[in-house]
Amino acid sequence: MQSELIPDWLRVFYAEWGPGIRIVLAIVLALIARAVLQFMIHRIVKSVSRSVRKEGDDSPLAQARLLQRTKTIASVLGNLATWGLTFTVLSIALTEIGVSPGAIIAGAGILGAGLGFGAQSLIKDLISGLFIVFEDQYGVGDSVDLGQASGVVESVGLRVTQVRDLEGTVWFVRNGEILRVGNQSQGWSRVVLDVPLDYTSKTEKAQEIMAKVASETAKKFPKLVIGDPEVWGINLLSGDQVVIRLVQKTKPETKDELARVLRANLKQAFEKNRIKLAKGANSIYLNVINK
């Protein structure tokens, strides 16, 4: 009954142009689906950006790190969605024109295997970059030791990580070549000061002075420290010096600043209380005899 309601010319038109219509319809639906997915991904990135700004993190590097990580993940998801929809549309188009997609897929698999064998290092770099981003091993602004290079991370890509060392040199490290990562900027850091004192110095008095100086410094700079300082006592004992260790937890980005402040304050306190530091190993002593 329903077929009688459809005009003959329309049935003939659909019989002749049906495959093309279905292919065009598949392309239109794929474009709509891609636009919807891209819009959702864009909204997620925008939402994360707003939340980062509202939290008011004191460190702009931490904000840049989170934003870059979010954008990288969004880019990966967007590319996966695009390639997935493209593959689906190609499969539908091949089926409609009478070509078996299985044979083409098998041929593409052989070609892909050959290309993959020739580009193993590139694929390794990309996969490693994905894990670095998703696992948040490090990010922009982190102080890291990658084995091949040490310094501050300036950019994290899917293939290459850029690290600037203390001398200002930018190192481009392939992600697939990174076997270990030492990150000094996650969570908290610790200032470790080993103070070498003269062997004849009174260690108990020196430790009291160190504890007092560290406590006063922590009270004066509360934003630089985490918790209370600790004097761990004698860390090294030799014939010419006694090394006392002082430690203080701190925020990763303020570690060097706090260490400099502590060294300056300890020097002033030792000079005031006449606590002698150990002489250098290469010190030369001259005995002058007057005749």
Protein backbone atom coordinates (compact mmCIF):
# COMPACT_ATOMS: atom_id res chain seq x y z
CA MET A 1 0.00 0.00 0.00
CA GLN A 2 2.80 2.35 0.95
CA SER A 3 4.72 1.55 -2.26
CA GLU A 4 1.67 2.60 -4.28
CA LEU A 5 1.79 6.05 -2.65
CA ILE A 6 5.38 6.60 -3.87
CA PRO A 7 5.50 7.91 -7.45
CA ASP A 8 7.27 5.77 -10.03
CA TRP A 9 9.71 8.52 -10.93
CA LEU A 10 10.79 8.78 -7.31
CA ARG A 11 11.37 5.03 -7.08
CA VAL A 12 13.39 5.11 -10.26
CA PHE A 13 15.35 8.14 -9.06
CA TYR A 14 16.15 6.49 -5.73
CA ALA A 15 17.11 3.23 -7.43
CA GLU A 16 19.59 5.05 -9.65
CA TRP A 17 20.87 7.63 -7.19
CA GLY A 18 20.30 5.79 -3.90
CA PRO A 19 23.98 4.96 -3.22
CA GLY A 20 25.00 8.58 -3.82
CA ILE A 21 22.20 9.84 -1.60
CA ARG A 22 23.20 7.48 1.20
CA ILE A 23 26.85 8.50 0.87
CA VAL A 24 25.97 12.21 1.01
CA LEU A 25 23.67 11.54 3.97
CA ALA A 26 26.48 9.68 5.76
CA ILE A 27 28.87 12.58 5.13
CA VAL A 28 26.34 15.14 6.41
CA LEU A 29 25.63 13.08 9.54
CA ALA A 30 29.37 12.62 10.14
CA LEU A 31 29.97 16.37 9.83
CA ILE A 32 27.12 17.05 12.26
CA ALA A 33 28.49 14.46 14.71
CA ARG A 34 32.00 15.93 14.43
CA ALA A 35 30.68 19.45 15.04
CA VAL A 36 28.79 18.24 18.12
CA LEU A 37 31.87 16.42 19.48
CA GLN A 38 34.14 19.40 18.82
CA PHE A 39 31.63 21.68 20.54
CA MET A 40 31.53 19.39 23.60
CA ILE A 41 35.32 19.18 23.75
CA HIS A 42 35.56 22.97 23.40
CA ARG A 43 33.08 23.40 26.24
CA ILE A 44 35.08 21.07 28.47
CA VAL A 45 38.32 22.98 27.80
CA LYS A 46 36.55 26.29 28.42
CA SER A 47 35.05 24.98 31.66
CA VAL A 48 38.44 23.81 32.90
CA SER A 49 40.00 27.17 31.99
CA ARG A 50 37.34 29.03 33.96
CA SER A 51 37.73 26.77 36.99
CA VAL A 52 41.50 27.28 36.98
CA ARG A 53 41.08 31.07 36.96
CA LYS A 54 38.44 30.96 39.70
CA GLU A 55 40.64 28.87 41.97
CA GLY A 56 43.17 31.69 41.89
CA ASP A 57 46.30 29.56 41.99
CA ASP A 58 49.30 31.65 43.06
CA SER A 59 51.49 30.03 40.41
CA PRO A 60 50.79 31.04 36.78
CA LEU A 61 53.01 28.14 35.70
CA ALA A 62 50.65 25.68 37.38
CA GLN A 63 47.74 27.24 35.52
CA ALA A 64 49.62 27.06 32.21
CA ARG A 65 50.48 23.43 32.90
CA LEU A 66 46.86 22.42 33.56
CA LEU A 67 45.56 24.37 30.57
CA GLN A 68 48.16 22.90 28.22
CA ARG A 69 47.43 19.40 29.46
CA THR A 70 43.70 19.92 28.96
CA LYS A 71 44.17 21.33 25.46
CA THR A 72 46.49 18.49 24.50
CA ILE A 73 44.01 15.87 25.65
CA ALA A 74 41.22 17.75 23.86
CA SER A 75 43.29 17.81 20.67
CA VAL A 76 43.90 14.06 20.90
CA LEU A 77 40.21 13.35 21.48
CA GLY A 78 39.25 15.63 18.59
CA ASN A 79 41.65 13.86 16.23
CA LEU A 80 40.40 10.45 17.32
CA ALA A 81 36.80 11.52 16.70
CA THR A 82 37.68 12.93 13.27
CA TRP A 83 39.54 9.81 12.14
CA GLY A 84 36.88 7.51 13.54
CA LEU A 85 34.09 9.31 11.66
CA THR A 86 36.22 9.45 8.50
CA PHE A 87 36.81 5.72 8.61
CA THR A 88 33.09 5.10 9.12
CA VAL A 89 32.11 7.29 6.15
CA LEU A 90 34.72 5.62 3.92
CA SER A 91 33.41 2.18 4.88
CA ILE A 92 29.83 3.22 4.01
CA ALA A 93 30.93 4.77 0.71
CA LEU A 94 32.87 1.66 -0.31
CA THR A 95 29.93 -0.56 0.52
CA GLU A 96 27.55 1.60 -1.49
CA ILE A 97 29.68 1.60 -4.64
CA GLY A 98 30.09 -2.17 -4.47
CA VAL A 99 33.67 -2.39 -3.24
CA SER A 100 34.36 -4.83 -0.45
CA PRO A 101 35.83 -2.82 2.45
CA GLY A 102 37.42 -5.97 3.83
CA ALA A 103 39.91 -6.25 0.98
CA ILE A 104 40.81 -2.58 1.21
CA ILE A 105 41.19 -2.83 4.97
CA ALA A 106 43.48 -5.84 4.55
CA GLY A 107 45.59 -3.94 2.02
CA ALA A 108 45.65 -0.88 4.24
CA GLY A 109 46.71 -3.11 7.10
CA ILE A 110 49.68 -4.40 5.14
CA LEU A 111 50.61 -0.86 4.07
CA GLY A 112 50.15 0.40 7.61
CA ALA A 113 52.36 -2.38 8.95
CA GLY A 114 55.09 -1.41 6.50
CA LEU A 115 54.82 2.27 7.37
CA GLY A 116 54.71 1.45 11.07
CA PHE A 117 57.85 -0.66 10.79
CA GLY A 118 59.63 2.21 9.06
CA ALA A 119 58.38 4.82 11.52
CA GLN A 120 58.80 2.90 14.77
CA SER A 121 60.60 5.75 16.50
CA LEU A 122 57.88 8.26 15.56
CA ILE A 123 55.10 5.99 16.81
CA LYS A 124 57.08 5.30 19.97
CA ASP A 125 57.45 9.05 20.57
CA LEU A 126 53.73 9.68 20.07
CA ILE A 127 52.63 6.84 22.36
CA SER A 128 55.09 7.94 25.05
CA GLY A 129 53.84 11.51 24.70
CA LEU A 130 50.26 10.36 25.22
CA PHE A 131 51.18 8.57 28.44
CA ILE A 132 53.19 11.57 29.66
CA VAL A 133 50.18 13.84 29.14
CA PHE A 134 47.52 11.50 30.50
CA GLU A 135 49.59 10.42 33.52
CA ASP A 136 50.71 14.00 34.19
CA GLN A 137 54.33 12.94 34.71
CA TYR A 138 55.44 16.56 34.27
CA GLY A 139 54.15 19.80 32.84
CA VAL A 140 55.04 23.37 31.93
CA GLY A 141 57.13 25.02 34.63
CA ASP A 142 58.30 21.80 36.31
CA SER A 143 61.95 21.36 37.18
CA VAL A 144 62.85 17.93 35.86
CA ASP A 145 65.75 15.58 35.21
CA LEU A 146 65.07 13.56 32.06
CA GLY A 147 68.45 11.85 31.99
CA GLN A 148 69.42 13.47 28.71
CA ALA A 149 68.62 16.99 29.90
CA SER A 150 67.79 18.78 33.14
CA GLY A 151 66.03 22.08 33.62
CA VAL A 152 62.62 23.72 33.46
CA VAL A 153 59.97 22.33 31.11
CA GLU A 154 58.80 24.95 28.61
CA SER A 155 56.58 22.82 26.40
CA VAL A 156 55.14 19.31 26.40
CA GLY A 157 54.12 17.93 23.02
CA LEU A 158 53.05 14.51 21.86
CA ARG A 159 56.42 13.94 20.18
CA VAL A 160 58.93 16.29 21.81
CA THR A 161 59.45 17.89 25.22
CA GLN A 162 61.31 21.22 25.42
CA VAL A 163 63.54 21.76 28.46
CA ARG A 164 65.60 24.89 29.20
CA ASP A 165 68.66 24.34 31.40
CA LEU A 166 70.33 26.76 33.80
CA GLU A 167 72.56 28.18 31.06
CA GLY A 168 69.54 29.03 28.91
CA THR A 169 69.98 26.26 26.34
CA VAL A 170 66.70 24.76 25.10
CA TRP A 171 66.83 20.97 24.75
CA PHE A 172 64.38 19.14 22.50
CA VAL A 173 64.00 15.67 23.99
CA ARG A 174 62.06 13.00 22.09
CA ASN A 175 59.43 11.47 24.35
CA GLY A 176 60.27 7.95 23.22
CA GLU A 177 63.85 8.38 24.44
CA ILE A 178 62.84 9.31 28.00
CA LEU A 179 63.47 6.28 30.21
CA ARG A 180 63.11 7.98 33.59
CA VAL A 181 61.75 11.25 34.91
CA GLY A 182 62.87 13.00 38.07
CA ASN A 183 60.29 15.70 38.86
CA GLN A 184 61.27 18.19 41.54
CA SER A 185 58.06 20.23 41.28
CA GLN A 186 55.23 17.89 42.23
CA GLY A 187 53.51 18.22 45.59
CA TRP A 188 56.26 19.51 47.85
CA SER A 189 60.01 19.88 47.87
CA ARG A 190 62.64 19.99 50.58
CA VAL A 191 65.54 22.29 51.27
CA VAL A 192 68.51 20.29 52.54
CA LEU A 193 71.38 22.32 53.97
CA ASP A 194 74.55 20.54 55.07
CA VAL A 195 76.52 23.02 57.15
CA PRO A 196 80.21 22.07 57.66
CA LEU A 197 81.53 23.31 60.99
CA ASP A 198 85.01 23.36 62.37
CA TYR A 199 85.80 20.18 64.32
CA THR A 200 86.34 22.19 67.51
CA SER A 201 82.94 23.93 67.29
CA LYS A 202 80.31 23.23 69.90
CA THR A 203 77.80 21.17 67.97
CA GLU A 204 74.96 21.46 70.49
CA LYS A 205 75.10 25.24 70.44
CA ALA A 206 75.37 25.24 66.65
CA GLN A 207 72.29 23.05 66.34
CA GLU A 208 70.32 25.34 68.68
CA ILE A 209 71.29 28.35 66.58
CA MET A 210 70.35 26.58 63.36
CA ALA A 211 66.95 25.55 64.73
CA LYS A 212 66.28 29.08 65.97
CA VAL A 213 67.28 30.70 62.68
CA ALA A 214 65.18 28.26 60.66
CA SER A 215 62.13 28.82 62.89
CA GLU A 216 62.45 32.62 62.66
CA THR A 217 62.83 32.38 58.88
CA ALA A 218 59.72 30.19 58.63
CA LYS A 219 57.70 32.70 60.67
CA LYS A 220 58.96 35.59 58.57
CA PHE A 221 58.21 33.85 55.25
CA PRO A 222 55.14 31.65 55.93
CA LYS A 223 54.27 31.41 52.21
CA LEU A 224 57.61 29.77 51.44
CA VAL A 225 57.52 26.93 53.95
CA ILE A 226 55.46 23.83 54.71
CA GLY A 227 55.52 22.63 58.30
CA ASP A 228 58.31 23.17 60.81
CA PRO A 229 62.06 23.00 60.14
CA GLU A 230 64.08 20.08 61.45
CA VAL A 231 67.70 19.80 62.48
CA TRP A 232 68.65 16.19 61.85
CA GLY A 233 71.95 16.52 63.66
CA ILE A 234 75.44 15.38 62.66
CA ASN A 235 75.36 14.02 59.13
CA LEU A 236 79.12 13.65 58.58
CA LEU A 237 82.07 13.46 60.93
CA SER A 238 85.70 13.64 59.84
CA GLY A 239 89.04 14.70 61.24
CA ASP A 240 88.66 18.35 60.29
CA GLN A 241 84.91 19.05 60.17
CA VAL A 242 81.47 18.22 61.52
CA VAL A 243 78.54 18.48 59.09
CA ILE A 244 75.13 19.25 60.53
CA ARG A 245 72.03 18.80 58.37
CA LEU A 246 69.04 21.17 58.39
CA VAL A 247 65.90 20.37 56.39
CA GLN A 248 62.74 22.35 55.66
CA LYS A 249 59.74 21.35 53.55
CA THR A 250 58.71 23.99 51.04
CA LYS A 251 56.69 24.61 47.91
CA PRO A 252 58.56 23.39 44.81
CA GLU A 253 58.65 26.81 43.16
CA THR A 254 60.13 28.51 46.29
CA LYS A 255 62.84 25.97 47.11
CA ASP A 256 65.81 27.94 45.78
CA GLU A 257 64.59 31.24 47.23
CA LEU A 258 64.14 29.74 50.70
CA ALA A 259 67.55 28.05 50.56
CA ARG A 260 69.26 31.37 49.79
CA VAL A 261 67.46 33.12 52.65
CA LEU A 262 68.39 30.36 55.10
CA ARG A 263 72.06 30.43 54.09
CA ALA A 264 72.27 34.20 54.53
CA ASN A 265 70.56 34.09 57.95
CA LEU A 266 72.72 31.19 59.14
CA LYS A 267 75.90 33.02 58.12
CA GLN A 268 74.90 36.10 60.11
CA ALA A 269 73.95 34.01 63.15
CA PHE A 270 77.22 32.04 63.08
CA GLU A 271 79.28 35.22 62.81
CA LYS A 272 77.35 36.77 65.69
CA ASN A 273 77.83 33.73 67.93
CA ARG A 274 81.41 33.05 66.78
CA ILE A 275 80.66 29.63 65.32
CA LYS A 276 83.45 28.73 62.92
CA LEU A 277 82.74 27.04 59.62
CA ALA A 278 85.08 24.32 58.42
CA LYS A 279 88.07 25.34 56.35
CA GLY A 280 88.22 24.28 52.72
CA ALA A 281 90.06 21.11 51.87
CA ASN A 282 92.58 23.13 49.86
CA SER A 283 93.37 25.65 52.57
CA ILE A 284 97.07 26.46 52.94
CA TYR A 285 98.47 27.28 56.37
CA LEU A 286 101.67 29.35 56.58
CA ASN A 287 103.76 29.56 59.73
CA VAL A 288 105.72 32.80 59.84
CA ILE A 289 108.80 32.69 62.10
CA ASN A 290 110.34 35.99 63.01
CA LYS A 291 114.05 35.85 63.58
